[in-house]
Structures are given as structure tokens and as C-alpha cells.
Amino acid sequence: MISERRRSPRQVLARLHSRHVLHAYLFIAPVIVLFGIFRVAPSIQTLLYSFYKVELLRGRFTFIGLENFYSLLTDEIFRKATVNTLTYVTTIVPISAFLGLILAVLFNAKFHLKEFFKAVYFSPMVTSTVAAAMVWWWMYNPQFGIFNVLLKLVGLPEQPWLMSSHMALTSIIIFSVWKNLGYNMIIYLAGLQAIPPQFYEAATIDGAGALRRFRHVTIPLLAPTTTFLLIYDTILALQVFDQVFVLTGGGPAGSTNVVVLDLYRQAFERYNFGYAAAEAMVLFLFIMAVTILQYYYSKRYEVAY
């Protein structure tokens, strides 16, 4: 009896612990179920569809193995879309990160109306991409758009913007930088405010000026923040769709066609779901590979503090 009484507190604690664990799983169960239904299950379905010729209207699924993937290798449209996507990514990611860092450094100082200007720069991020793209479509209009009006006022030649196969992708990149700049600024600002001031004080005592402090203190200590933003921005850029669909629809002459837009057209315009699933899997593998490479390469330059 005595031994049972001595063990009873442990048993009570064990029961309480098991109940807490059960309650925790019950609370997160809805999220896990929804994630499984709307994320995991469609991903598995997409993987399976990529090996089939899918005819949903007829309810016919014909196994063709890797034929969809072989077709991608010889598809000139998909190849052009991949090049456009990579061009978009390699341009917008470093520009957005650089400008976000510059703005974060400026807003890290104290001045009047700082919070107001922070809200102004961040507001495009919370604005609907479709709505913002529609406004920019009018601004890019070569006949009465505000951009050409401003160029004319300063004596510069008017530009065709979205109507030119040479300028359309650049125009989309400019819009995307404006749209995502506020997010990069806020993340960098949080990283700057997390740096202990002792590092700057020590650098100042050693005679380092503002530029040297920025180069040898700020940039190295912001390496984890930079790693996160580069990975996040790259994943976001590889999946670009909304602004391209609204501003150009992939034109002119396919100069702004991107992978996700081509995937959308294969699935919902041509009803070639198996081929679209193969495109989705290739994009997924590419995103995963780029993310892993960026993460391990950036870890070299991270500084612990």
C-alpha cells in the first residue's frame, strides 16, 4: 500500500501530461486535417497525374510513364517560359533585397512622420495584386498612361512598355519590385533592430565610420535575415502568375510567358491535366533545389551573436 501511495503522484503527473498532450493534439487537429486535404492530397494527386494522360471529361486515365516529362524537354513554349521565369527571378530577387535593405536602414533612423512613410511603402504589399496590376496597366498605357506623360514632361521619348516584346518583362519586373518592396523593408528593419548596439559602439571606438560599420557589422549580422528573404523571394518569384496574367497575358509574342501561366493554360484552357501536372512537378523540384542551394550557400556567411 505504501509503495502504491508513493507511486501515485507520478501516476497523477503522467495522467495530467497525457491529457495535456491529448488536448494539444485536439487543438491542432483541425489545422492538420485542413493542411492534409488542401495541401498534401492535391500534391500527391498532381504527382500521380504527371504519369498519366488525364481526360477528366471522359473519366479516362491512361498511364504513359515519363512521356509528359519527355515532351517538356522538346516543348519550345515551355523552354521559353522557363527562360522568362529565370530572367524574372534573377532580376527581381537581388533588386528587391537591395532596395529593401536601403529603405530599412533609412527607416531605422529617427525622423518625423517615420511611421506614416513606413505605412506608405508597405501598403502595396497588402493591396490585391490583381487590383494593383489593373491600375498599373492604365499607367503603362502608351497613349495616355502617366509614365509616358512624365517622360514627355522631362523631354524623354515615350515608351511602348507592355506593348513591346523587349520591354514587357521589364515593365512587369518594375511592378513586382514596387509590390514586394515593403515586405523586404519590414523584415530587414526587424533584423536591424535585433542587432545589439554594443557591436556598433565597439566599432565606433575602434574608429570605424558609418560605411565601415555598415559593411563589417550590419551586413554580416543581417546574414540570417538575408538568407530568409532570398529564399522567400525566390520561391515567390518562381511562382509568378497574377501580374503576368493581368498585365500582358503572356504576350506580346510570348515574351512574358512564365511557367505557372503556361501550366494554367495547359490545365484549364487545353484540359491537358497530365502535362500541366508534369510542369508543376518540374517547378516543384526546381524550387526545392534552388532553396536548398541558397540555404547551404548562405549559411557560410552567417555570423552568430
C-alpha atoms as a PDB file:
ATOM      1  CA  MET A   1       0.000   0.000   0.000  1.00  0.00           C
ATOM      2  CA  ILE A   2       2.824   2.387   0.895  1.00  0.00           C
ATOM      3  CA  SER A   3       4.610   1.764  -2.391  1.00  0.00           C
ATOM      4  CA  GLU A   4       1.377   2.395  -4.309  1.00  0.00           C
ATOM      5  CA  ARG A   5       0.873   5.662  -2.449  1.00  0.00           C
ATOM      6  CA  ARG A   6       4.438   6.689  -3.265  1.00  0.00           C
ATOM      7  CA  ARG A   7       3.857   5.997  -6.928  1.00  0.00           C
ATOM      8  CA  SER A   8       0.512   7.748  -7.070  1.00  0.00           C
ATOM      9  CA  PRO A   9       1.935  11.270  -7.535  1.00  0.00           C
ATOM     10  CA  ARG A  10       3.916  10.056 -10.559  1.00  0.00           C
ATOM     11  CA  GLN A  11       0.840   8.387 -11.932  1.00  0.00           C
ATOM     12  CA  VAL A  12      -1.156  11.571 -11.448  1.00  0.00           C
ATOM     13  CA  LEU A  13       1.515  13.610 -13.228  1.00  0.00           C
ATOM     14  CA  ALA A  14       1.672  11.067 -16.033  1.00  0.00           C
ATOM     15  CA  ARG A  15      -2.104  11.221 -16.457  1.00  0.00           C
ATOM     16  CA  LEU A  16      -2.047  15.026 -16.459  1.00  0.00           C
ATOM     17  CA  HIS A  17       0.761  15.013 -19.007  1.00  0.00           C
ATOM     18  CA  SER A  18      -1.099  12.585 -21.247  1.00  0.00           C
ATOM     19  CA  ARG A  19      -4.234  14.713 -21.006  1.00  0.00           C
ATOM     20  CA  HIS A  20      -2.291  17.864 -21.918  1.00  0.00           C
ATOM     21  CA  VAL A  21      -0.739  16.104 -24.902  1.00  0.00           C
ATOM     22  CA  LEU A  22      -4.162  14.863 -25.975  1.00  0.00           C
ATOM     23  CA  HIS A  23      -5.625  18.360 -25.638  1.00  0.00           C
ATOM     24  CA  ALA A  24      -2.746  19.809 -27.669  1.00  0.00           C
ATOM     25  CA  TYR A  25      -3.328  17.331 -30.497  1.00  0.00           C
ATOM     26  CA  LEU A  26      -7.054  18.045 -30.409  1.00  0.00           C
ATOM     27  CA  PHE A  27      -6.375  21.771 -30.827  1.00  0.00           C
ATOM     28  CA  ILE A  28      -4.030  21.326 -33.795  1.00  0.00           C
ATOM     29  CA  ALA A  29      -6.085  18.530 -35.375  1.00  0.00           C
ATOM     30  CA  PRO A  30      -8.286  20.883 -37.497  1.00  0.00           C
ATOM     31  CA  VAL A  31      -5.196  22.576 -38.952  1.00  0.00           C
ATOM     32  CA  ILE A  32      -3.539  19.228 -39.703  1.00  0.00           C
ATOM     33  CA  VAL A  33      -6.711  17.887 -41.339  1.00  0.00           C
ATOM     34  CA  LEU A  34      -7.180  21.016 -43.482  1.00  0.00           C
ATOM     35  CA  PHE A  35      -3.495  21.026 -44.438  1.00  0.00           C
ATOM     36  CA  GLY A  36      -3.763  17.392 -45.464  1.00  0.00           C
ATOM     37  CA  ILE A  37      -6.929  17.973 -47.509  1.00  0.00           C
ATOM     38  CA  PHE A  38      -5.901  21.160 -49.301  1.00  0.00           C
ATOM     39  CA  ARG A  39      -2.098  20.753 -49.480  1.00  0.00           C
ATOM     40  CA  VAL A  40      -0.857  17.191 -49.108  1.00  0.00           C
ATOM     41  CA  ALA A  41      -3.632  15.401 -51.022  1.00  0.00           C
ATOM     42  CA  PRO A  42      -3.518  17.738 -54.089  1.00  0.00           C
ATOM     43  CA  SER A  43       0.280  17.443 -54.167  1.00  0.00           C
ATOM     44  CA  ILE A  44       0.089  13.644 -54.224  1.00  0.00           C
ATOM     45  CA  GLN A  45      -2.656  13.808 -56.858  1.00  0.00           C
ATOM     46  CA  THR A  46      -0.502  16.113 -59.008  1.00  0.00           C
ATOM     47  CA  LEU A  47       2.424  13.700 -58.736  1.00  0.00           C
ATOM     48  CA  LEU A  48       0.218  10.816 -59.876  1.00  0.00           C
ATOM     49  CA  TYR A  49      -1.360  12.809 -62.720  1.00  0.00           C
ATOM     50  CA  SER A  50       2.095  13.629 -64.126  1.00  0.00           C
ATOM     51  CA  PHE A  51       2.480   9.969 -65.150  1.00  0.00           C
ATOM     52  CA  TYR A  52      -0.910   9.775 -66.885  1.00  0.00           C
ATOM     53  CA  LYS A  53      -2.752  11.145 -69.845  1.00  0.00           C
ATOM     54  CA  VAL A  54      -5.718  12.604 -67.986  1.00  0.00           C
ATOM     55  CA  GLU A  55      -9.076  13.040 -69.720  1.00  0.00           C
ATOM     56  CA  LEU A  56     -11.349  14.246 -66.942  1.00  0.00           C
ATOM     57  CA  LEU A  57     -14.372  14.855 -69.149  1.00  0.00           C
ATOM     58  CA  ARG A  58     -14.302  11.223 -70.238  1.00  0.00           C
ATOM     59  CA  GLY A  59     -13.128   9.945 -66.876  1.00  0.00           C
ATOM     60  CA  ARG A  60     -10.193   8.239 -68.575  1.00  0.00           C
ATOM     61  CA  PHE A  61      -6.696   7.907 -67.083  1.00  0.00           C
ATOM     62  CA  THR A  62      -4.062   6.343 -69.331  1.00  0.00           C
ATOM     63  CA  PHE A  63      -0.687   5.538 -67.801  1.00  0.00           C
ATOM     64  CA  ILE A  64       2.106   6.857 -70.032  1.00  0.00           C
ATOM     65  CA  GLY A  65       5.049   6.850 -67.614  1.00  0.00           C
ATOM     66  CA  LEU A  66       7.582   9.627 -68.214  1.00  0.00           C
ATOM     67  CA  GLU A  67       6.159  10.694 -71.579  1.00  0.00           C
ATOM     68  CA  ASN A  68       4.873  14.009 -70.204  1.00  0.00           C
ATOM     69  CA  PHE A  69       8.337  14.840 -68.899  1.00  0.00           C
ATOM     70  CA  TYR A  70       9.983  13.874 -72.191  1.00  0.00           C
ATOM     71  CA  SER A  71       7.546  16.166 -74.004  1.00  0.00           C
ATOM     72  CA  LEU A  72       8.594  19.053 -71.772  1.00  0.00           C
ATOM     73  CA  LEU A  73      12.188  18.707 -72.939  1.00  0.00           C
ATOM     74  CA  THR A  74      11.196  19.328 -76.544  1.00  0.00           C
ATOM     75  CA  ASP A  75       8.469  21.908 -75.887  1.00  0.00           C
ATOM     76  CA  GLU A  76       9.726  25.256 -77.177  1.00  0.00           C
ATOM     77  CA  ILE A  77       6.940  27.168 -75.400  1.00  0.00           C
ATOM     78  CA  PHE A  78       7.821  25.624 -72.026  1.00  0.00           C
ATOM     79  CA  ARG A  79      11.509  26.296 -72.654  1.00  0.00           C
ATOM     80  CA  LYS A  80      10.795  29.962 -73.402  1.00  0.00           C
ATOM     81  CA  ALA A  81       8.570  30.198 -70.317  1.00  0.00           C
ATOM     82  CA  THR A  82      11.383  28.744 -68.194  1.00  0.00           C
ATOM     83  CA  VAL A  83      13.870  31.286 -69.530  1.00  0.00           C
ATOM     84  CA  ASN A  84      11.439  34.132 -68.852  1.00  0.00           C
ATOM     85  CA  THR A  85      10.832  32.855 -65.329  1.00  0.00           C
ATOM     86  CA  LEU A  86      14.543  32.578 -64.563  1.00  0.00           C
ATOM     87  CA  THR A  87      15.160  36.044 -66.000  1.00  0.00           C
ATOM     88  CA  TYR A  88      12.401  37.415 -63.802  1.00  0.00           C
ATOM     89  CA  VAL A  89      13.772  35.662 -60.699  1.00  0.00           C
ATOM     90  CA  THR A  90      17.422  36.625 -61.175  1.00  0.00           C
ATOM     91  CA  THR A  91      16.411  40.256 -61.673  1.00  0.00           C
ATOM     92  CA  ILE A  92      13.732  40.893 -59.091  1.00  0.00           C
ATOM     93  CA  VAL A  93      15.243  38.994 -56.126  1.00  0.00           C
ATOM     94  CA  PRO A  94      18.528  40.940 -55.763  1.00  0.00           C
ATOM     95  CA  ILE A  95      16.916  44.282 -56.636  1.00  0.00           C
ATOM     96  CA  SER A  96      14.113  43.822 -54.084  1.00  0.00           C
ATOM     97  CA  ALA A  97      16.561  42.701 -51.389  1.00  0.00           C
ATOM     98  CA  PHE A  98      18.953  45.601 -52.032  1.00  0.00           C
ATOM     99  CA  LEU A  99      16.264  48.289 -52.104  1.00  0.00           C
ATOM    100  CA  GLY A 100      14.557  46.767 -49.047  1.00  0.00           C
ATOM    101  CA  LEU A 101      17.834  46.938 -47.122  1.00  0.00           C
ATOM    102  CA  ILE A 102      18.421  50.564 -48.106  1.00  0.00           C
ATOM    103  CA  LEU A 103      14.912  51.577 -47.020  1.00  0.00           C
ATOM    104  CA  ALA A 104      15.258  49.619 -43.768  1.00  0.00           C
ATOM    105  CA  VAL A 105      18.481  51.478 -42.923  1.00  0.00           C
ATOM    106  CA  LEU A 106      16.785  54.801 -43.633  1.00  0.00           C
ATOM    107  CA  PHE A 107      13.717  53.955 -41.541  1.00  0.00           C
ATOM    108  CA  ASN A 108      15.892  52.673 -38.704  1.00  0.00           C
ATOM    109  CA  ALA A 109      16.801  56.298 -38.000  1.00  0.00           C
ATOM    110  CA  LYS A 110      14.501  58.653 -36.109  1.00  0.00           C
ATOM    111  CA  PHE A 111      12.670  61.372 -38.049  1.00  0.00           C
ATOM    112  CA  HIS A 112       9.251  62.949 -38.211  1.00  0.00           C
ATOM    113  CA  LEU A 113       6.399  61.020 -39.875  1.00  0.00           C
ATOM    114  CA  LYS A 114       8.505  57.834 -39.960  1.00  0.00           C
ATOM    115  CA  GLU A 115       5.540  55.574 -39.215  1.00  0.00           C
ATOM    116  CA  PHE A 116       3.474  57.267 -41.916  1.00  0.00           C
ATOM    117  CA  PHE A 117       6.109  56.684 -44.604  1.00  0.00           C
ATOM    118  CA  LYS A 118       6.601  53.093 -43.440  1.00  0.00           C
ATOM    119  CA  ALA A 119       2.872  52.537 -43.938  1.00  0.00           C
ATOM    120  CA  VAL A 120       3.067  54.141 -47.391  1.00  0.00           C
ATOM    121  CA  TYR A 121       5.885  51.837 -48.504  1.00  0.00           C
ATOM    122  CA  PHE A 122       4.251  48.740 -47.010  1.00  0.00           C
ATOM    123  CA  SER A 123       0.739  49.418 -48.365  1.00  0.00           C
ATOM    124  CA  PRO A 124       1.395  47.837 -51.822  1.00  0.00           C
ATOM    125  CA  MET A 125       2.147  44.540 -50.084  1.00  0.00           C
ATOM    126  CA  VAL A 126      -1.350  44.331 -48.592  1.00  0.00           C
ATOM    127  CA  THR A 127      -3.025  45.513 -51.788  1.00  0.00           C
ATOM    128  CA  SER A 128      -4.594  42.948 -54.089  1.00  0.00           C
ATOM    129  CA  THR A 129      -2.147  42.068 -56.861  1.00  0.00           C
ATOM    130  CA  VAL A 130      -4.930  41.974 -59.447  1.00  0.00           C
ATOM    131  CA  ALA A 131      -6.298  45.386 -58.430  1.00  0.00           C
ATOM    132  CA  ALA A 132      -2.832  46.952 -58.367  1.00  0.00           C
ATOM    133  CA  ALA A 133      -1.956  45.386 -61.723  1.00  0.00           C
ATOM    134  CA  MET A 134      -5.095  46.836 -63.296  1.00  0.00           C
ATOM    135  CA  VAL A 135      -4.072  50.327 -62.129  1.00  0.00           C
ATOM    136  CA  TRP A 136      -0.547  49.850 -63.450  1.00  0.00           C
ATOM    137  CA  TRP A 137      -1.943  48.618 -66.762  1.00  0.00           C
ATOM    138  CA  TRP A 138      -3.550  52.028 -67.224  1.00  0.00           C
ATOM    139  CA  MET A 139      -0.365  53.765 -66.061  1.00  0.00           C
ATOM    140  CA  TYR A 140       1.639  51.792 -68.633  1.00  0.00           C
ATOM    141  CA  ASN A 141      -0.756  52.638 -71.471  1.00  0.00           C
ATOM    142  CA  PRO A 142       1.412  54.108 -74.272  1.00  0.00           C
ATOM    143  CA  GLN A 143      -1.261  56.609 -75.347  1.00  0.00           C
ATOM    144  CA  PHE A 144      -2.492  58.189 -72.124  1.00  0.00           C
ATOM    145  CA  GLY A 145      -0.572  56.442 -69.332  1.00  0.00           C
ATOM    146  CA  ILE A 146       1.035  58.566 -66.635  1.00  0.00           C
ATOM    147  CA  PHE A 147       4.507  57.115 -67.211  1.00  0.00           C
ATOM    148  CA  ASN A 148       4.679  58.382 -70.779  1.00  0.00           C
ATOM    149  CA  VAL A 149       3.207  61.706 -69.671  1.00  0.00           C
ATOM    150  CA  LEU A 150       6.038  62.088 -67.147  1.00  0.00           C
ATOM    151  CA  LEU A 151       8.646  61.072 -69.723  1.00  0.00           C
ATOM    152  CA  LYS A 152       7.265  63.655 -72.128  1.00  0.00           C
ATOM    153  CA  LEU A 153       7.400  66.362 -69.461  1.00  0.00           C
ATOM    154  CA  VAL A 154      11.132  65.817 -68.898  1.00  0.00           C
ATOM    155  CA  GLY A 155      11.882  65.617 -72.615  1.00  0.00           C
ATOM    156  CA  LEU A 156      12.440  61.872 -72.868  1.00  0.00           C
ATOM    157  CA  PRO A 157      10.945  59.692 -75.623  1.00  0.00           C
ATOM    158  CA  GLU A 158       7.733  57.809 -74.888  1.00  0.00           C
ATOM    159  CA  GLN A 159       7.971  54.055 -74.399  1.00  0.00           C
ATOM    160  CA  PRO A 160       5.680  51.223 -75.572  1.00  0.00           C
ATOM    161  CA  TRP A 161       6.006  49.442 -72.174  1.00  0.00           C
ATOM    162  CA  LEU A 162       3.691  46.398 -72.192  1.00  0.00           C
ATOM    163  CA  MET A 163       3.163  46.587 -75.953  1.00  0.00           C
ATOM    164  CA  SER A 164       6.817  45.819 -76.704  1.00  0.00           C
ATOM    165  CA  SER A 165       8.292  42.327 -76.570  1.00  0.00           C
ATOM    166  CA  HIS A 166      11.570  43.895 -75.421  1.00  0.00           C
ATOM    167  CA  MET A 167      10.094  45.971 -72.585  1.00  0.00           C
ATOM    168  CA  ALA A 168       7.103  43.965 -71.372  1.00  0.00           C
ATOM    169  CA  LEU A 169       9.041  41.713 -68.972  1.00  0.00           C
ATOM    170  CA  THR A 170      10.991  44.689 -67.631  1.00  0.00           C
ATOM    171  CA  SER A 171       7.700  46.500 -67.018  1.00  0.00           C
ATOM    172  CA  ILE A 172       6.385  43.523 -65.028  1.00  0.00           C
ATOM    173  CA  ILE A 173       9.611  43.415 -63.016  1.00  0.00           C
ATOM    174  CA  ILE A 174       9.238  47.115 -62.130  1.00  0.00           C
ATOM    175  CA  PHE A 175       5.682  46.492 -60.933  1.00  0.00           C
ATOM    176  CA  SER A 176       6.746  43.452 -58.888  1.00  0.00           C
ATOM    177  CA  VAL A 177       9.589  45.329 -57.199  1.00  0.00           C
ATOM    178  CA  TRP A 178       7.144  48.063 -56.194  1.00  0.00           C
ATOM    179  CA  LYS A 179       4.652  45.464 -54.974  1.00  0.00           C
ATOM    180  CA  ASN A 180       7.056  43.439 -52.784  1.00  0.00           C
ATOM    181  CA  LEU A 181       9.458  46.147 -51.628  1.00  0.00           C
ATOM    182  CA  GLY A 182       7.546  46.902 -48.421  1.00  0.00           C
ATOM    183  CA  TYR A 183       7.786  43.328 -47.163  1.00  0.00           C
ATOM    184  CA  ASN A 184      11.560  43.199 -47.637  1.00  0.00           C
ATOM    185  CA  MET A 185      11.866  46.557 -45.903  1.00  0.00           C
ATOM    186  CA  ILE A 186       9.896  45.402 -42.830  1.00  0.00           C
ATOM    187  CA  ILE A 187      11.847  42.140 -42.494  1.00  0.00           C
ATOM    188  CA  TYR A 188      15.198  43.922 -42.803  1.00  0.00           C
ATOM    189  CA  LEU A 189      14.033  46.561 -40.340  1.00  0.00           C
ATOM    190  CA  ALA A 190      13.217  43.841 -37.809  1.00  0.00           C
ATOM    191  CA  GLY A 191      16.671  42.345 -38.389  1.00  0.00           C
ATOM    192  CA  LEU A 192      18.366  45.710 -37.868  1.00  0.00           C
ATOM    193  CA  GLN A 193      16.527  46.347 -34.618  1.00  0.00           C
ATOM    194  CA  ALA A 194      17.574  42.899 -33.342  1.00  0.00           C
ATOM    195  CA  ILE A 195      21.303  43.697 -33.668  1.00  0.00           C
ATOM    196  CA  PRO A 196      22.756  44.534 -30.212  1.00  0.00           C
ATOM    197  CA  PRO A 197      24.016  48.148 -30.091  1.00  0.00           C
ATOM    198  CA  GLN A 198      27.243  47.032 -28.386  1.00  0.00           C
ATOM    199  CA  PHE A 199      28.629  45.953 -31.756  1.00  0.00           C
ATOM    200  CA  TYR A 200      28.214  49.451 -33.186  1.00  0.00           C
ATOM    201  CA  GLU A 201      29.665  51.010 -30.040  1.00  0.00           C
ATOM    202  CA  ALA A 202      32.747  48.766 -30.241  1.00  0.00           C
ATOM    203  CA  ALA A 203      33.208  49.537 -33.950  1.00  0.00           C
ATOM    204  CA  THR A 204      32.901  53.283 -33.278  1.00  0.00           C
ATOM    205  CA  ILE A 205      35.519  53.084 -30.521  1.00  0.00           C
ATOM    206  CA  ASP A 206      37.846  51.317 -32.979  1.00  0.00           C
ATOM    207  CA  GLY A 207      37.438  54.279 -35.342  1.00  0.00           C
ATOM    208  CA  ALA A 208      35.064  52.746 -37.882  1.00  0.00           C
ATOM    209  CA  GLY A 209      32.952  55.209 -39.826  1.00  0.00           C
ATOM    210  CA  ALA A 210      29.347  54.776 -40.924  1.00  0.00           C
ATOM    211  CA  LEU A 211      30.203  52.916 -44.129  1.00  0.00           C
ATOM    212  CA  ARG A 212      32.642  50.560 -42.410  1.00  0.00           C
ATOM    213  CA  ARG A 213      30.116  49.845 -39.648  1.00  0.00           C
ATOM    214  CA  PHE A 214      27.526  49.062 -42.298  1.00  0.00           C
ATOM    215  CA  ARG A 215      29.902  46.813 -44.246  1.00  0.00           C
ATOM    216  CA  HIS A 216      31.599  44.978 -41.376  1.00  0.00           C
ATOM    217  CA  VAL A 217      28.845  44.944 -38.728  1.00  0.00           C
ATOM    218  CA  THR A 218      25.400  45.390 -40.266  1.00  0.00           C
ATOM    219  CA  ILE A 219      25.710  43.223 -43.368  1.00  0.00           C
ATOM    220  CA  PRO A 220      27.328  40.180 -41.653  1.00  0.00           C
ATOM    221  CA  LEU A 221      24.859  40.242 -38.759  1.00  0.00           C
ATOM    222  CA  LEU A 222      21.946  40.505 -41.193  1.00  0.00           C
ATOM    223  CA  ALA A 223      23.032  37.308 -42.969  1.00  0.00           C
ATOM    224  CA  PRO A 224      20.212  35.155 -41.442  1.00  0.00           C
ATOM    225  CA  THR A 225      17.649  37.783 -42.486  1.00  0.00           C
ATOM    226  CA  THR A 226      19.129  37.951 -45.971  1.00  0.00           C
ATOM    227  CA  THR A 227      19.055  34.155 -46.261  1.00  0.00           C
ATOM    228  CA  PHE A 228      15.376  34.074 -45.346  1.00  0.00           C
ATOM    229  CA  LEU A 229      14.457  36.872 -47.765  1.00  0.00           C
ATOM    230  CA  LEU A 230      16.418  35.393 -50.667  1.00  0.00           C
ATOM    231  CA  ILE A 231      14.717  32.025 -50.223  1.00  0.00           C
ATOM    232  CA  TYR A 232      11.265  33.555 -49.719  1.00  0.00           C
ATOM    233  CA  ASP A 233      11.584  35.974 -52.645  1.00  0.00           C
ATOM    234  CA  THR A 234      12.927  33.248 -54.932  1.00  0.00           C
ATOM    235  CA  ILE A 235      10.058  30.876 -54.150  1.00  0.00           C
ATOM    236  CA  LEU A 236       7.572  33.713 -54.667  1.00  0.00           C
ATOM    237  CA  ALA A 237       9.181  34.824 -57.924  1.00  0.00           C
ATOM    238  CA  LEU A 238       9.321  31.320 -59.394  1.00  0.00           C
ATOM    239  CA  GLN A 239       5.551  31.105 -58.918  1.00  0.00           C
ATOM    240  CA  VAL A 240       4.777  34.479 -60.513  1.00  0.00           C
ATOM    241  CA  PHE A 241       1.362  34.465 -62.191  1.00  0.00           C
ATOM    242  CA  ASP A 242      -1.126  37.183 -61.201  1.00  0.00           C
ATOM    243  CA  GLN A 243       0.680  40.244 -62.544  1.00  0.00           C
ATOM    244  CA  VAL A 244       1.643  38.500 -65.787  1.00  0.00           C
ATOM    245  CA  PHE A 245      -1.890  37.244 -66.351  1.00  0.00           C
ATOM    246  CA  VAL A 246      -3.410  40.698 -65.798  1.00  0.00           C
ATOM    247  CA  LEU A 247      -0.805  42.946 -67.420  1.00  0.00           C
ATOM    248  CA  THR A 248       0.153  41.006 -70.564  1.00  0.00           C
ATOM    249  CA  GLY A 249      -1.419  37.538 -70.549  1.00  0.00           C
ATOM    250  CA  GLY A 250       1.998  36.185 -71.529  1.00  0.00           C
ATOM    251  CA  GLY A 251       2.412  38.410 -74.582  1.00  0.00           C
ATOM    252  CA  PRO A 252       3.418  40.056 -76.728  1.00  0.00           C
ATOM    253  CA  ALA A 253       4.712  37.099 -78.747  1.00  0.00           C
ATOM    254  CA  GLY A 254       5.248  35.025 -75.596  1.00  0.00           C
ATOM    255  CA  SER A 255       7.870  37.442 -74.246  1.00  0.00           C
ATOM    256  CA  THR A 256       6.332  37.386 -70.753  1.00  0.00           C
ATOM    257  CA  ASN A 257       5.013  33.835 -70.690  1.00  0.00           C
ATOM    258  CA  VAL A 258       6.101  32.146 -67.439  1.00  0.00           C
ATOM    259  CA  VAL A 259       5.941  28.575 -66.161  1.00  0.00           C
ATOM    260  CA  VAL A 260       2.869  28.951 -63.941  1.00  0.00           C
ATOM    261  CA  LEU A 261       0.953  30.783 -66.668  1.00  0.00           C
ATOM    262  CA  ASP A 262       1.790  28.032 -69.173  1.00  0.00           C
ATOM    263  CA  LEU A 263       0.768  25.449 -66.567  1.00  0.00           C
ATOM    264  CA  TYR A 264      -2.564  27.232 -66.100  1.00  0.00           C
ATOM    265  CA  ARG A 265      -3.241  27.273 -69.829  1.00  0.00           C
ATOM    266  CA  GLN A 266      -2.352  23.624 -70.279  1.00  0.00           C
ATOM    267  CA  ALA A 267      -4.726  22.605 -67.477  1.00  0.00           C
ATOM    268  CA  PHE A 268      -7.685  24.972 -67.791  1.00  0.00           C
ATOM    269  CA  GLU A 269      -7.667  26.036 -71.445  1.00  0.00           C
ATOM    270  CA  ARG A 270      -6.386  22.895 -73.191  1.00  0.00           C
ATOM    271  CA  TYR A 271      -7.535  20.457 -70.450  1.00  0.00           C
ATOM    272  CA  ASN A 272      -4.164  18.717 -70.650  1.00  0.00           C
ATOM    273  CA  PHE A 273      -4.015  17.988 -66.926  1.00  0.00           C
ATOM    274  CA  GLY A 274      -1.307  15.333 -67.086  1.00  0.00           C
ATOM    275  CA  TYR A 275       1.063  17.623 -68.957  1.00  0.00           C
ATOM    276  CA  ALA A 276       0.268  20.500 -66.558  1.00  0.00           C
ATOM    277  CA  ALA A 277       0.951  18.193 -63.597  1.00  0.00           C
ATOM    278  CA  ALA A 278       4.357  17.350 -65.074  1.00  0.00           C
ATOM    279  CA  GLU A 279       5.109  21.070 -65.360  1.00  0.00           C
ATOM    280  CA  ALA A 280       4.077  21.538 -61.750  1.00  0.00           C
ATOM    281  CA  MET A 281       6.385  18.738 -60.587  1.00  0.00           C
ATOM    282  CA  VAL A 282       9.325  20.146 -62.542  1.00  0.00           C
ATOM    283  CA  LEU A 283       8.691  23.564 -60.984  1.00  0.00           C
ATOM    284  CA  PHE A 284       8.453  21.997 -57.522  1.00  0.00           C
ATOM    285  CA  LEU A 285      11.761  20.153 -57.942  1.00  0.00           C
ATOM    286  CA  PHE A 286      13.424  23.299 -59.238  1.00  0.00           C
ATOM    287  CA  ILE A 287      12.140  25.384 -56.317  1.00  0.00           C
ATOM    288  CA  MET A 288      13.317  22.764 -53.834  1.00  0.00           C
ATOM    289  CA  ALA A 289      16.782  22.541 -55.426  1.00  0.00           C
ATOM    290  CA  VAL A 290      17.245  26.319 -55.551  1.00  0.00           C
ATOM    291  CA  THR A 291      16.058  26.681 -51.954  1.00  0.00           C
ATOM    292  CA  ILE A 292      18.468  24.029 -50.668  1.00  0.00           C
ATOM    293  CA  LEU A 293      21.401  25.528 -52.584  1.00  0.00           C
ATOM    294  CA  GLN A 294      20.616  29.042 -51.372  1.00  0.00           C
ATOM    295  CA  TYR A 295      20.257  27.889 -47.787  1.00  0.00           C
ATOM    296  CA  TYR A 296      23.539  25.990 -47.574  1.00  0.00           C
ATOM    297  CA  TYR A 297      25.471  28.579 -49.558  1.00  0.00           C
ATOM    298  CA  SER A 298      24.173  31.458 -47.423  1.00  0.00           C
ATOM    299  CA  LYS A 299      24.965  29.607 -44.182  1.00  0.00           C
ATOM    300  CA  ARG A 300      28.659  30.196 -44.910  1.00  0.00           C
ATOM    301  CA  TYR A 301      28.255  33.912 -44.369  1.00  0.00           C
ATOM    302  CA  GLU A 302      26.047  33.854 -41.290  1.00  0.00           C
ATOM    303  CA  VAL A 303      27.553  35.279 -38.109  1.00  0.00           C
ATOM    304  CA  ALA A 304      26.270  34.211 -34.692  1.00  0.00           C
ATOM    305  CA  TYR A 305      25.871  36.823 -31.969  1.00  0.00           C
END
